[in-house]
């Protein structure tokens, strides 16, 4: 196994920080054909950053929101979660993206659309940060311990490379392959998380640097983690109640990065074993989240402080029993 270790960039008394950019949108959730949807901050980038902030980590979103009511809603959600919002831009950027999720809680299925079910109007697309964002966030990008992104653009690459040069763990979770920029992002990534249902099916392990930690998700069949010649399969965790599997991948990433950051805080750096251990924690978190509607339904139903307690004490049978007593439908 290649023993990757990132250097510490902050004193032992300071908590390792996270910066990230990528898909941040309003999740508009229609459960069981109800005409009145609930709304929450969503998108993989938004979910991961918001969840880590709710768990008490210093988080710096570097994102481009719309200058509209939805953009203000998303900005407020970041603030309420405890994120540092100085790099969240809404000035003159138009309207905010919306992702519609239609959930059938009886059959535990869901589908997504970018078209309003009521008006048939297509919602705006996600927009990348620009050079000004990267310039303003440069000092922070040089000091964070983890940089997360789920999208690629020329300016996102600049942010990734700035963080990587400074020693950050760069976590890349692509939804699609984008030729030259994608290949450049893969070279920059410390950890790349690929889904069999999206970008993963187009990328072979031989195409990746052997030092890159590769996480491949296989839906209900669990996931595989590779580092050099080491390969480990992790079966899916048992879900005591399945209402909505949306956000499962984001919860795996959240649990993984939470453990990495906690150990980094104690030990001053991270190691590959932390990734393996974090995967198991993230899978248990994802399994519990399946019992609620929405990508962060567990956080909304149980409260962030209780999720924090569960992660610190270990997600055991007591935690699982408590979660199943909560209502299954969350509110944004």
C-alpha atoms as a PDB file:
ATOM      1  CA  UNK A   1       0.000   0.000   0.000  1.00  0.00           C
ATOM      2  CA  UNK A   2       1.260   3.457  -0.848  1.00  0.00           C
ATOM      3  CA  UNK A   3       1.466   5.357   2.448  1.00  0.00           C
ATOM      4  CA  UNK A   4       0.217   8.778   1.490  1.00  0.00           C
ATOM      5  CA  UNK A   5       0.406  11.394   4.206  1.00  0.00           C
ATOM      6  CA  UNK A   6      -0.475  15.074   3.935  1.00  0.00           C
ATOM      7  CA  UNK A   7       1.487  17.617   5.919  1.00  0.00           C
ATOM      8  CA  UNK A   8      -0.237  19.667   8.586  1.00  0.00           C
ATOM      9  CA  UNK A   9      -0.729  23.320   7.689  1.00  0.00           C
ATOM     10  CA  UNK A  10      -2.266  24.566  10.922  1.00  0.00           C
ATOM     11  CA  UNK A  11      -1.179  24.499  14.579  1.00  0.00           C
ATOM     12  CA  UNK A  12      -2.423  21.520  16.632  1.00  0.00           C
ATOM     13  CA  UNK A  13      -4.940  23.790  18.374  1.00  0.00           C
ATOM     14  CA  UNK A  14      -6.650  24.752  15.081  1.00  0.00           C
ATOM     15  CA  UNK A  15      -9.261  22.536  13.503  1.00  0.00           C
ATOM     16  CA  UNK A  16      -8.519  21.318   9.938  1.00  0.00           C
ATOM     17  CA  UNK A  17     -10.705  23.254   7.507  1.00  0.00           C
ATOM     18  CA  UNK A  18     -12.533  22.318   4.306  1.00  0.00           C
ATOM     19  CA  UNK A  19     -13.084  24.353   1.148  1.00  0.00           C
ATOM     20  CA  UNK A  20     -15.135  23.227  -1.799  1.00  0.00           C
ATOM     21  CA  UNK A  21     -16.950  24.144  -4.959  1.00  0.00           C
ATOM     22  CA  UNK A  22     -19.320  22.495  -7.388  1.00  0.00           C
ATOM     23  CA  UNK A  23     -23.001  21.707  -7.673  1.00  0.00           C
ATOM     24  CA  UNK A  24     -25.052  23.677  -5.164  1.00  0.00           C
ATOM     25  CA  UNK A  25     -28.762  23.942  -5.890  1.00  0.00           C
ATOM     26  CA  UNK A  26     -32.193  24.011  -4.329  1.00  0.00           C
ATOM     27  CA  UNK A  27     -33.551  20.499  -3.854  1.00  0.00           C
ATOM     28  CA  UNK A  28     -37.305  20.639  -4.432  1.00  0.00           C
ATOM     29  CA  UNK A  29     -38.765  17.383  -3.125  1.00  0.00           C
ATOM     30  CA  UNK A  30     -42.176  16.019  -4.073  1.00  0.00           C
ATOM     31  CA  UNK A  31     -43.001  13.016  -1.862  1.00  0.00           C
ATOM     32  CA  UNK A  32     -45.743  10.604  -2.963  1.00  0.00           C
ATOM     33  CA  UNK A  33     -47.120  13.037  -5.570  1.00  0.00           C
ATOM     34  CA  UNK A  34     -47.805  15.733  -2.978  1.00  0.00           C
ATOM     35  CA  UNK A  35     -48.332  19.036  -4.747  1.00  0.00           C
ATOM     36  CA  UNK A  36     -46.633  21.075  -1.991  1.00  0.00           C
ATOM     37  CA  UNK A  37     -42.900  20.316  -2.179  1.00  0.00           C
ATOM     38  CA  UNK A  38     -40.290  20.809   0.524  1.00  0.00           C
ATOM     39  CA  UNK A  39     -37.049  22.637  -0.236  1.00  0.00           C
ATOM     40  CA  UNK A  40     -33.508  22.228   1.031  1.00  0.00           C
ATOM     41  CA  UNK A  41     -29.995  23.081  -0.034  1.00  0.00           C
ATOM     42  CA  UNK A  42     -28.752  20.283  -2.293  1.00  0.00           C
ATOM     43  CA  UNK A  43     -26.300  19.155  -4.932  1.00  0.00           C
ATOM     44  CA  UNK A  44     -23.424  16.872  -3.951  1.00  0.00           C
ATOM     45  CA  UNK A  45     -21.069  19.772  -3.196  1.00  0.00           C
ATOM     46  CA  UNK A  46     -23.759  21.598  -1.228  1.00  0.00           C
ATOM     47  CA  UNK A  47     -24.763  18.499   0.723  1.00  0.00           C
ATOM     48  CA  UNK A  48     -21.225  17.522   1.695  1.00  0.00           C
ATOM     49  CA  UNK A  49     -20.108  21.018   2.695  1.00  0.00           C
ATOM     50  CA  UNK A  50     -23.298  21.771   4.617  1.00  0.00           C
ATOM     51  CA  UNK A  51     -23.216  18.426   6.447  1.00  0.00           C
ATOM     52  CA  UNK A  52     -19.580  18.856   7.499  1.00  0.00           C
ATOM     53  CA  UNK A  53     -20.327  22.356   8.779  1.00  0.00           C
ATOM     54  CA  UNK A  54     -23.318  21.050  10.741  1.00  0.00           C
ATOM     55  CA  UNK A  55     -20.975  18.490  12.299  1.00  0.00           C
ATOM     56  CA  UNK A  56     -18.762  21.298  13.566  1.00  0.00           C
ATOM     57  CA  UNK A  57     -15.967  21.528  10.997  1.00  0.00           C
ATOM     58  CA  UNK A  58     -14.726  24.871   9.595  1.00  0.00           C
ATOM     59  CA  UNK A  59     -16.122  24.978   6.043  1.00  0.00           C
ATOM     60  CA  UNK A  60     -15.522  27.531   3.272  1.00  0.00           C
ATOM     61  CA  UNK A  61     -17.916  27.148   0.306  1.00  0.00           C
ATOM     62  CA  UNK A  62     -16.506  28.806  -2.830  1.00  0.00           C
ATOM     63  CA  UNK A  63     -19.671  28.842  -4.916  1.00  0.00           C
ATOM     64  CA  UNK A  64     -21.677  30.931  -7.356  1.00  0.00           C
ATOM     65  CA  UNK A  65     -25.359  31.320  -6.448  1.00  0.00           C
ATOM     66  CA  UNK A  66     -28.142  33.206  -8.186  1.00  0.00           C
ATOM     67  CA  UNK A  67     -29.098  36.748  -7.254  1.00  0.00           C
ATOM     68  CA  UNK A  68     -32.681  35.757  -6.502  1.00  0.00           C
ATOM     69  CA  UNK A  69     -34.872  34.470  -3.660  1.00  0.00           C
ATOM     70  CA  UNK A  70     -33.544  30.939  -4.125  1.00  0.00           C
ATOM     71  CA  UNK A  71     -29.963  32.206  -3.997  1.00  0.00           C
ATOM     72  CA  UNK A  72     -30.735  34.023  -0.762  1.00  0.00           C
ATOM     73  CA  UNK A  73     -32.286  30.836   0.614  1.00  0.00           C
ATOM     74  CA  UNK A  74     -29.145  28.849  -0.219  1.00  0.00           C
ATOM     75  CA  UNK A  75     -26.891  31.547   1.267  1.00  0.00           C
ATOM     76  CA  UNK A  76     -28.931  31.528   4.479  1.00  0.00           C
ATOM     77  CA  UNK A  77     -28.720  27.734   4.672  1.00  0.00           C
ATOM     78  CA  UNK A  78     -24.918  27.910   4.518  1.00  0.00           C
ATOM     79  CA  UNK A  79     -24.896  30.572   7.230  1.00  0.00           C
ATOM     80  CA  UNK A  80     -27.274  28.680   9.528  1.00  0.00           C
ATOM     81  CA  UNK A  81     -25.097  25.573   9.234  1.00  0.00           C
ATOM     82  CA  UNK A  82     -22.062  27.554  10.404  1.00  0.00           C
ATOM     83  CA  UNK A  83     -20.198  27.865   7.103  1.00  0.00           C
ATOM     84  CA  UNK A  84     -17.858  30.784   6.466  1.00  0.00           C
ATOM     85  CA  UNK A  85     -19.720  32.512   3.620  1.00  0.00           C
ATOM     86  CA  UNK A  86     -17.239  35.182   2.514  1.00  0.00           C
ATOM     87  CA  UNK A  87     -16.630  33.315  -0.785  1.00  0.00           C
ATOM     88  CA  UNK A  88     -20.304  32.662  -1.576  1.00  0.00           C
ATOM     89  CA  UNK A  89     -21.220  34.987  -4.435  1.00  0.00           C
ATOM     90  CA  UNK A  90     -24.704  36.116  -5.468  1.00  0.00           C
ATOM     91  CA  UNK A  91     -23.887  39.451  -7.126  1.00  0.00           C
ATOM     92  CA  UNK A  92     -25.210  39.708 -10.675  1.00  0.00           C
ATOM     93  CA  UNK A  93     -25.227  35.968 -11.320  1.00  0.00           C
ATOM     94  CA  UNK A  94     -28.825  35.593 -12.429  1.00  0.00           C
ATOM     95  CA  UNK A  95     -31.076  32.824 -11.148  1.00  0.00           C
ATOM     96  CA  UNK A  96     -30.275  29.745  -9.058  1.00  0.00           C
ATOM     97  CA  UNK A  97     -30.428  26.112 -10.194  1.00  0.00           C
ATOM     98  CA  UNK A  98     -33.167  23.811  -8.915  1.00  0.00           C
ATOM     99  CA  UNK A  99     -33.158  20.012  -8.819  1.00  0.00           C
ATOM    100  CA  UNK A 100     -36.573  18.379  -8.566  1.00  0.00           C
ATOM    101  CA  UNK A 101     -36.710  15.026  -6.793  1.00  0.00           C
ATOM    102  CA  UNK A 102     -39.922  13.011  -7.093  1.00  0.00           C
ATOM    103  CA  UNK A 103     -40.041  10.345  -4.389  1.00  0.00           C
ATOM    104  CA  UNK A 104     -42.242   7.277  -4.084  1.00  0.00           C
ATOM    105  CA  UNK A 105     -41.739   6.416  -0.410  1.00  0.00           C
ATOM    106  CA  UNK A 106     -43.834   3.241  -0.625  1.00  0.00           C
ATOM    107  CA  UNK A 107     -41.565   1.653  -3.235  1.00  0.00           C
ATOM    108  CA  UNK A 108     -38.453   3.581  -2.102  1.00  0.00           C
ATOM    109  CA  UNK A 109     -37.758   4.945  -5.575  1.00  0.00           C
ATOM    110  CA  UNK A 110     -36.970   8.420  -6.812  1.00  0.00           C
ATOM    111  CA  UNK A 111     -36.211  10.271  -9.996  1.00  0.00           C
ATOM    112  CA  UNK A 112     -34.759  13.674 -10.810  1.00  0.00           C
ATOM    113  CA  UNK A 113     -35.736  16.330 -13.302  1.00  0.00           C
ATOM    114  CA  UNK A 114     -34.612  19.855 -14.120  1.00  0.00           C
ATOM    115  CA  UNK A 115     -38.122  20.793 -15.283  1.00  0.00           C
ATOM    116  CA  UNK A 116     -40.818  22.181 -12.993  1.00  0.00           C
ATOM    117  CA  UNK A 117     -43.615  19.557 -12.701  1.00  0.00           C
ATOM    118  CA  UNK A 118     -46.229  22.298 -12.357  1.00  0.00           C
ATOM    119  CA  UNK A 119     -45.190  24.745 -15.104  1.00  0.00           C
ATOM    120  CA  UNK A 120     -43.022  22.549 -17.394  1.00  0.00           C
ATOM    121  CA  UNK A 121     -40.421  25.339 -17.356  1.00  0.00           C
ATOM    122  CA  UNK A 122     -36.776  24.231 -17.275  1.00  0.00           C
ATOM    123  CA  UNK A 123     -34.758  25.487 -14.336  1.00  0.00           C
ATOM    124  CA  UNK A 124     -31.410  27.319 -14.806  1.00  0.00           C
ATOM    125  CA  UNK A 125     -28.210  25.303 -15.036  1.00  0.00           C
ATOM    126  CA  UNK A 126     -25.352  25.313 -12.555  1.00  0.00           C
ATOM    127  CA  UNK A 127     -22.641  27.909 -13.154  1.00  0.00           C
ATOM    128  CA  UNK A 128     -18.992  27.579 -12.223  1.00  0.00           C
ATOM    129  CA  UNK A 129     -17.028  30.026 -10.117  1.00  0.00           C
ATOM    130  CA  UNK A 130     -14.852  32.484 -12.047  1.00  0.00           C
ATOM    131  CA  UNK A 131     -11.269  33.725 -11.726  1.00  0.00           C
ATOM    132  CA  UNK A 132     -12.293  36.419  -9.269  1.00  0.00           C
ATOM    133  CA  UNK A 133     -13.626  33.763  -6.883  1.00  0.00           C
ATOM    134  CA  UNK A 134     -10.325  31.897  -6.979  1.00  0.00           C
ATOM    135  CA  UNK A 135      -8.305  35.084  -6.524  1.00  0.00           C
ATOM    136  CA  UNK A 136     -10.360  36.169  -3.493  1.00  0.00           C
ATOM    137  CA  UNK A 137     -10.181  32.703  -1.921  1.00  0.00           C
ATOM    138  CA  UNK A 138      -6.493  32.101  -2.705  1.00  0.00           C
ATOM    139  CA  UNK A 139      -5.186  32.472   0.849  1.00  0.00           C
ATOM    140  CA  UNK A 140      -7.866  30.173   2.222  1.00  0.00           C
ATOM    141  CA  UNK A 141      -7.186  27.598  -0.503  1.00  0.00           C
ATOM    142  CA  UNK A 142      -3.551  27.578   0.626  1.00  0.00           C
ATOM    143  CA  UNK A 143      -4.508  26.853   4.233  1.00  0.00           C
ATOM    144  CA  UNK A 144      -7.340  24.283   4.138  1.00  0.00           C
ATOM    145  CA  UNK A 145      -6.738  20.610   4.823  1.00  0.00           C
ATOM    146  CA  UNK A 146      -9.385  19.257   2.424  1.00  0.00           C
ATOM    147  CA  UNK A 147     -10.658  20.562  -0.907  1.00  0.00           C
ATOM    148  CA  UNK A 148     -13.826  19.000  -2.341  1.00  0.00           C
ATOM    149  CA  UNK A 149     -15.369  19.323  -5.793  1.00  0.00           C
ATOM    150  CA  UNK A 150     -17.866  17.408  -7.908  1.00  0.00           C
ATOM    151  CA  UNK A 151     -17.550  19.510 -11.078  1.00  0.00           C
ATOM    152  CA  UNK A 152     -14.753  20.630 -13.422  1.00  0.00           C
ATOM    153  CA  UNK A 153     -14.112  23.944 -15.142  1.00  0.00           C
ATOM    154  CA  UNK A 154     -10.972  25.892 -15.976  1.00  0.00           C
ATOM    155  CA  UNK A 155     -11.329  28.018 -12.847  1.00  0.00           C
ATOM    156  CA  UNK A 156     -12.203  25.066 -10.615  1.00  0.00           C
ATOM    157  CA  UNK A 157      -8.976  23.475 -11.806  1.00  0.00           C
ATOM    158  CA  UNK A 158      -7.069  26.555 -10.644  1.00  0.00           C
ATOM    159  CA  UNK A 159      -8.647  26.205  -7.196  1.00  0.00           C
ATOM    160  CA  UNK A 160      -7.917  22.459  -7.052  1.00  0.00           C
ATOM    161  CA  UNK A 161      -4.284  22.958  -8.030  1.00  0.00           C
ATOM    162  CA  UNK A 162      -3.826  25.826  -5.554  1.00  0.00           C
ATOM    163  CA  UNK A 163      -5.080  23.634  -2.716  1.00  0.00           C
ATOM    164  CA  UNK A 164      -3.071  20.606  -3.878  1.00  0.00           C
ATOM    165  CA  UNK A 165       0.203  22.593  -4.022  1.00  0.00           C
ATOM    166  CA  UNK A 166      -0.383  23.683  -0.427  1.00  0.00           C
ATOM    167  CA  UNK A 167      -0.751  20.084   0.737  1.00  0.00           C
ATOM    168  CA  UNK A 168      -4.536  19.649   0.902  1.00  0.00           C
ATOM    169  CA  UNK A 169      -6.271  16.342   0.403  1.00  0.00           C
ATOM    170  CA  UNK A 170      -8.158  16.941  -2.866  1.00  0.00           C
ATOM    171  CA  UNK A 171     -11.385  14.930  -3.022  1.00  0.00           C
ATOM    172  CA  UNK A 172     -12.856  14.727  -6.531  1.00  0.00           C
ATOM    173  CA  UNK A 173     -16.314  13.222  -7.100  1.00  0.00           C
ATOM    174  CA  UNK A 174     -17.129  13.678 -10.809  1.00  0.00           C
ATOM    175  CA  UNK A 175     -20.565  13.148 -12.282  1.00  0.00           C
ATOM    176  CA  UNK A 176     -19.287  13.005 -15.878  1.00  0.00           C
ATOM    177  CA  UNK A 177     -16.124  12.879 -17.962  1.00  0.00           C
ATOM    178  CA  UNK A 178     -14.932  16.130 -19.557  1.00  0.00           C
ATOM    179  CA  UNK A 179     -11.934  15.221 -21.739  1.00  0.00           C
ATOM    180  CA  UNK A 180      -8.847  17.386 -21.139  1.00  0.00           C
ATOM    181  CA  UNK A 181     -10.140  19.149 -18.031  1.00  0.00           C
ATOM    182  CA  UNK A 182     -11.308  15.858 -16.557  1.00  0.00           C
ATOM    183  CA  UNK A 183      -7.912  14.243 -17.119  1.00  0.00           C
ATOM    184  CA  UNK A 184      -6.248  17.251 -15.505  1.00  0.00           C
ATOM    185  CA  UNK A 185      -8.555  17.001 -12.491  1.00  0.00           C
ATOM    186  CA  UNK A 186      -7.856  13.282 -12.115  1.00  0.00           C
ATOM    187  CA  UNK A 187      -4.113  13.995 -12.028  1.00  0.00           C
ATOM    188  CA  UNK A 188      -4.708  16.556  -9.280  1.00  0.00           C
ATOM    189  CA  UNK A 189      -6.977  14.409  -7.111  1.00  0.00           C
ATOM    190  CA  UNK A 190      -5.752  12.683  -3.966  1.00  0.00           C
ATOM    191  CA  UNK A 191      -9.013  10.738  -3.697  1.00  0.00           C
ATOM    192  CA  UNK A 192     -11.383  10.179  -6.602  1.00  0.00           C
ATOM    193  CA  UNK A 193     -14.860   8.742  -5.983  1.00  0.00           C
ATOM    194  CA  UNK A 194     -16.518   7.182  -9.021  1.00  0.00           C
ATOM    195  CA  UNK A 195     -19.991   5.759  -9.488  1.00  0.00           C
ATOM    196  CA  UNK A 196     -20.722   2.768 -11.708  1.00  0.00           C
ATOM    197  CA  UNK A 197     -23.814   4.680 -12.842  1.00  0.00           C
ATOM    198  CA  UNK A 198     -21.956   7.791 -14.059  1.00  0.00           C
ATOM    199  CA  UNK A 199     -18.268   8.549 -14.682  1.00  0.00           C
ATOM    200  CA  UNK A 200     -16.974   5.326 -13.160  1.00  0.00           C
ATOM    201  CA  UNK A 201     -17.980   3.087 -16.030  1.00  0.00           C
ATOM    202  CA  UNK A 202     -15.765   5.079 -18.415  1.00  0.00           C
ATOM    203  CA  UNK A 203     -12.553   5.071 -16.366  1.00  0.00           C
ATOM    204  CA  UNK A 204     -10.310   2.056 -15.815  1.00  0.00           C
ATOM    205  CA  UNK A 205      -7.932   1.795 -12.870  1.00  0.00           C
ATOM    206  CA  UNK A 206      -5.055   1.631 -15.364  1.00  0.00           C
ATOM    207  CA  UNK A 207      -5.940   5.192 -16.420  1.00  0.00           C
ATOM    208  CA  UNK A 208      -5.268   6.493 -12.892  1.00  0.00           C
ATOM    209  CA  UNK A 209      -2.087   7.190 -10.952  1.00  0.00           C
ATOM    210  CA  UNK A 210      -1.379   4.205  -8.642  1.00  0.00           C
ATOM    211  CA  UNK A 211      -0.972   6.620  -5.727  1.00  0.00           C
ATOM    212  CA  UNK A 212      -4.510   7.938  -6.196  1.00  0.00           C
ATOM    213  CA  UNK A 213      -7.030   6.499  -3.759  1.00  0.00           C
ATOM    214  CA  UNK A 214      -9.950   5.297  -5.896  1.00  0.00           C
ATOM    215  CA  UNK A 215     -13.418   4.725  -4.450  1.00  0.00           C
ATOM    216  CA  UNK A 216     -15.854   2.977  -6.795  1.00  0.00           C
ATOM    217  CA  UNK A 217     -19.482   2.801  -5.709  1.00  0.00           C
ATOM    218  CA  UNK A 218     -21.673  -0.088  -6.881  1.00  0.00           C
ATOM    219  CA  UNK A 219     -25.117   0.975  -5.657  1.00  0.00           C
ATOM    220  CA  UNK A 220     -26.729  -1.651  -3.450  1.00  0.00           C
ATOM    221  CA  UNK A 221     -23.657  -3.868  -3.889  1.00  0.00           C
ATOM    222  CA  UNK A 222     -21.445  -1.586  -1.791  1.00  0.00           C
ATOM    223  CA  UNK A 223     -18.174  -0.095  -2.935  1.00  0.00           C
ATOM    224  CA  UNK A 224     -14.524  -0.857  -3.619  1.00  0.00           C
ATOM    225  CA  UNK A 225     -11.502   1.145  -2.489  1.00  0.00           C
ATOM    226  CA  UNK A 226      -8.138   0.827  -4.255  1.00  0.00           C
ATOM    227  CA  UNK A 227      -4.733   2.220  -3.373  1.00  0.00           C
ATOM    228  CA  UNK A 228      -1.847   0.890  -5.445  1.00  0.00           C
ATOM    229  CA  UNK A 229      -2.065  -2.896  -5.352  1.00  0.00           C
ATOM    230  CA  UNK A 230      -4.399  -2.908  -2.362  1.00  0.00           C
ATOM    231  CA  UNK A 231      -8.087  -3.370  -3.118  1.00  0.00           C
ATOM    232  CA  UNK A 232     -10.862  -3.782  -0.556  1.00  0.00           C
ATOM    233  CA  UNK A 233     -14.576  -4.353  -1.041  1.00  0.00           C
ATOM    234  CA  UNK A 234     -17.069  -2.907   1.448  1.00  0.00           C
ATOM    235  CA  UNK A 235     -20.587  -4.413   1.315  1.00  0.00           C
ATOM    236  CA  UNK A 236     -23.483  -2.021   1.839  1.00  0.00           C
ATOM    237  CA  UNK A 237     -24.534  -1.427   5.439  1.00  0.00           C
ATOM    238  CA  UNK A 238     -27.933  -2.665   6.531  1.00  0.00           C
ATOM    239  CA  UNK A 239     -30.595   0.045   6.331  1.00  0.00           C
ATOM    240  CA  UNK A 240     -33.235  -0.444   9.052  1.00  0.00           C
ATOM    241  CA  UNK A 241     -35.780   1.541   7.038  1.00  0.00           C
ATOM    242  CA  UNK A 242     -35.705   2.462   3.350  1.00  0.00           C
ATOM    243  CA  UNK A 243     -37.790   5.442   2.254  1.00  0.00           C
ATOM    244  CA  UNK A 244     -35.480   7.368  -0.074  1.00  0.00           C
ATOM    245  CA  UNK A 245     -31.939   6.466  -1.138  1.00  0.00           C
ATOM    246  CA  UNK A 246     -31.223   9.967  -2.484  1.00  0.00           C
ATOM    247  CA  UNK A 247     -28.040  11.394  -1.006  1.00  0.00           C
ATOM    248  CA  UNK A 248     -26.557   8.052   0.022  1.00  0.00           C
ATOM    249  CA  UNK A 249     -23.302   8.773  -1.802  1.00  0.00           C
ATOM    250  CA  UNK A 250     -23.069  12.217  -0.198  1.00  0.00           C
ATOM    251  CA  UNK A 251     -23.527  10.679   3.247  1.00  0.00           C
ATOM    252  CA  UNK A 252     -20.713   8.190   2.561  1.00  0.00           C
ATOM    253  CA  UNK A 253     -18.445  11.104   1.636  1.00  0.00           C
ATOM    254  CA  UNK A 254     -19.569  13.090   4.689  1.00  0.00           C
ATOM    255  CA  UNK A 255     -18.874  10.238   7.117  1.00  0.00           C
ATOM    256  CA  UNK A 256     -15.522   9.526   5.487  1.00  0.00           C
ATOM    257  CA  UNK A 257     -14.306  13.141   5.565  1.00  0.00           C
ATOM    258  CA  UNK A 258     -15.626  13.656   9.095  1.00  0.00           C
ATOM    259  CA  UNK A 259     -13.451  10.823  10.376  1.00  0.00           C
ATOM    260  CA  UNK A 260     -10.419  11.994   8.384  1.00  0.00           C
ATOM    261  CA  UNK A 261     -10.774  15.524   9.769  1.00  0.00           C
ATOM    262  CA  UNK A 262     -11.201  14.312  13.368  1.00  0.00           C
ATOM    263  CA  UNK A 263      -8.053  12.193  13.172  1.00  0.00           C
ATOM    264  CA  UNK A 264      -6.183  14.978  11.381  1.00  0.00           C
ATOM    265  CA  UNK A 265      -7.062  17.274  14.280  1.00  0.00           C
ATOM    266  CA  UNK A 266      -5.625  14.795  16.792  1.00  0.00           C
ATOM    267  CA  UNK A 267      -2.587  13.598  14.843  1.00  0.00           C
ATOM    268  CA  UNK A 268      -1.631  16.522  12.592  1.00  0.00           C
ATOM    269  CA  UNK A 269      -2.054  14.659   9.294  1.00  0.00           C
ATOM    270  CA  UNK A 270      -3.916  11.785   7.671  1.00  0.00           C
ATOM    271  CA  UNK A 271      -3.136   8.331   6.315  1.00  0.00           C
ATOM    272  CA  UNK A 272      -4.696   5.870   3.913  1.00  0.00           C
ATOM    273  CA  UNK A 273      -6.112   3.739   6.736  1.00  0.00           C
ATOM    274  CA  UNK A 274      -8.268   6.724   7.702  1.00  0.00           C
ATOM    275  CA  UNK A 275      -9.955   6.499   4.293  1.00  0.00           C
ATOM    276  CA  UNK A 276     -10.732   2.807   4.767  1.00  0.00           C
ATOM    277  CA  UNK A 277     -12.090   3.394   8.278  1.00  0.00           C
ATOM    278  CA  UNK A 278     -14.044   6.441   7.123  1.00  0.00           C
ATOM    279  CA  UNK A 279     -15.745   4.446   4.381  1.00  0.00           C
ATOM    280  CA  UNK A 280     -17.333   2.135   6.950  1.00  0.00           C
ATOM    281  CA  UNK A 281     -18.579   5.069   9.015  1.00  0.00           C
ATOM    282  CA  UNK A 282     -19.949   6.791   5.910  1.00  0.00           C
ATOM    283  CA  UNK A 283     -21.780   3.648   4.809  1.00  0.00           C
ATOM    284  CA  UNK A 284     -23.516   3.338   8.190  1.00  0.00           C
ATOM    285  CA  UNK A 285     -24.497   7.018   8.027  1.00  0.00           C
ATOM    286  CA  UNK A 286     -25.874   6.542   4.509  1.00  0.00           C
ATOM    287  CA  UNK A 287     -27.881   3.493   5.589  1.00  0.00           C
ATOM    288  CA  UNK A 288     -29.607   5.485   8.348  1.00  0.00           C
ATOM    289  CA  UNK A 289     -30.246   8.402   5.979  1.00  0.00           C
ATOM    290  CA  UNK A 290     -32.220   6.073   3.687  1.00  0.00           C
ATOM    291  CA  UNK A 291     -34.997   6.128   6.273  1.00  0.00           C
ATOM    292  CA  UNK A 292     -35.871   9.755   5.488  1.00  0.00           C
ATOM    293  CA  UNK A 293     -36.839  11.798   2.458  1.00  0.00           C
ATOM    294  CA  UNK A 294     -34.205  14.103   1.031  1.00  0.00           C
ATOM    295  CA  UNK A 295     -30.436  13.965   0.767  1.00  0.00           C
ATOM    296  CA  UNK A 296     -29.929  15.119   4.385  1.00  0.00           C
ATOM    297  CA  UNK A 297     -33.139  13.796   5.898  1.00  0.00           C
ATOM    298  CA  UNK A 298     -31.348  12.224   8.871  1.00  0.00           C
ATOM    299  CA  UNK A 299     -29.831  15.574   9.872  1.00  0.00           C
ATOM    300  CA  UNK A 300     -33.198  17.311   9.622  1.00  0.00           C
ATOM    301  CA  UNK A 301     -35.080  14.618  11.560  1.00  0.00           C
ATOM    302  CA  UNK A 302     -32.562  13.791  14.303  1.00  0.00           C
ATOM    303  CA  UNK A 303     -30.752  17.121  14.524  1.00  0.00           C
ATOM    304  CA  UNK A 304     -27.088  17.749  13.744  1.00  0.00           C
ATOM    305  CA  UNK A 305     -26.027  17.488  17.402  1.00  0.00           C
ATOM    306  CA  UNK A 306     -27.457  13.982  17.646  1.00  0.00           C
ATOM    307  CA  UNK A 307     -25.760  12.934  14.398  1.00  0.00           C
ATOM    308  CA  UNK A 308     -22.515  14.339  15.818  1.00  0.00           C
ATOM    309  CA  UNK A 309     -23.032  12.290  18.979  1.00  0.00           C
ATOM    310  CA  UNK A 310     -23.707   9.128  16.980  1.00  0.00           C
ATOM    311  CA  UNK A 311     -20.534   9.574  14.923  1.00  0.00           C
ATOM    312  CA  UNK A 312     -18.428  10.236  18.020  1.00  0.00           C
ATOM    313  CA  UNK A 313     -19.782   7.273  19.988  1.00  0.00           C
ATOM    314  CA  UNK A 314     -20.171   4.918  17.051  1.00  0.00           C
ATOM    315  CA  UNK A 315     -23.349   4.133  15.133  1.00  0.00           C
ATOM    316  CA  UNK A 316     -24.595   1.115  17.109  1.00  0.00           C
ATOM    317  CA  UNK A 317     -27.891  -0.680  17.667  1.00  0.00           C
ATOM    318  CA  UNK A 318     -29.029   1.964  20.140  1.00  0.00           C
ATOM    319  CA  UNK A 319     -28.496   4.722  17.588  1.00  0.00           C
ATOM    320  CA  UNK A 320     -30.251   2.707  14.923  1.00  0.00           C
ATOM    321  CA  UNK A 321     -33.244   1.982  17.157  1.00  0.00           C
ATOM    322  CA  UNK A 322     -33.583   5.648  18.050  1.00  0.00           C
ATOM    323  CA  UNK A 323     -33.465   6.784  14.422  1.00  0.00           C
ATOM    324  CA  UNK A 324     -36.246   4.390  13.398  1.00  0.00           C
ATOM    325  CA  UNK A 325     -38.576   5.992  15.946  1.00  0.00           C
ATOM    326  CA  UNK A 326     -38.373   9.309  14.114  1.00  0.00           C
ATOM    327  CA  UNK A 327     -40.808  10.323  11.401  1.00  0.00           C
ATOM    328  CA  UNK A 328     -39.651   9.357   7.927  1.00  0.00           C
ATOM    329  CA  UNK A 329     -40.569  12.589   6.138  1.00  0.00           C
ATOM    330  CA  UNK A 330     -38.182  15.465   6.722  1.00  0.00           C
ATOM    331  CA  UNK A 331     -38.832  19.140   6.135  1.00  0.00           C
ATOM    332  CA  UNK A 332     -36.387  21.487   4.453  1.00  0.00           C
END
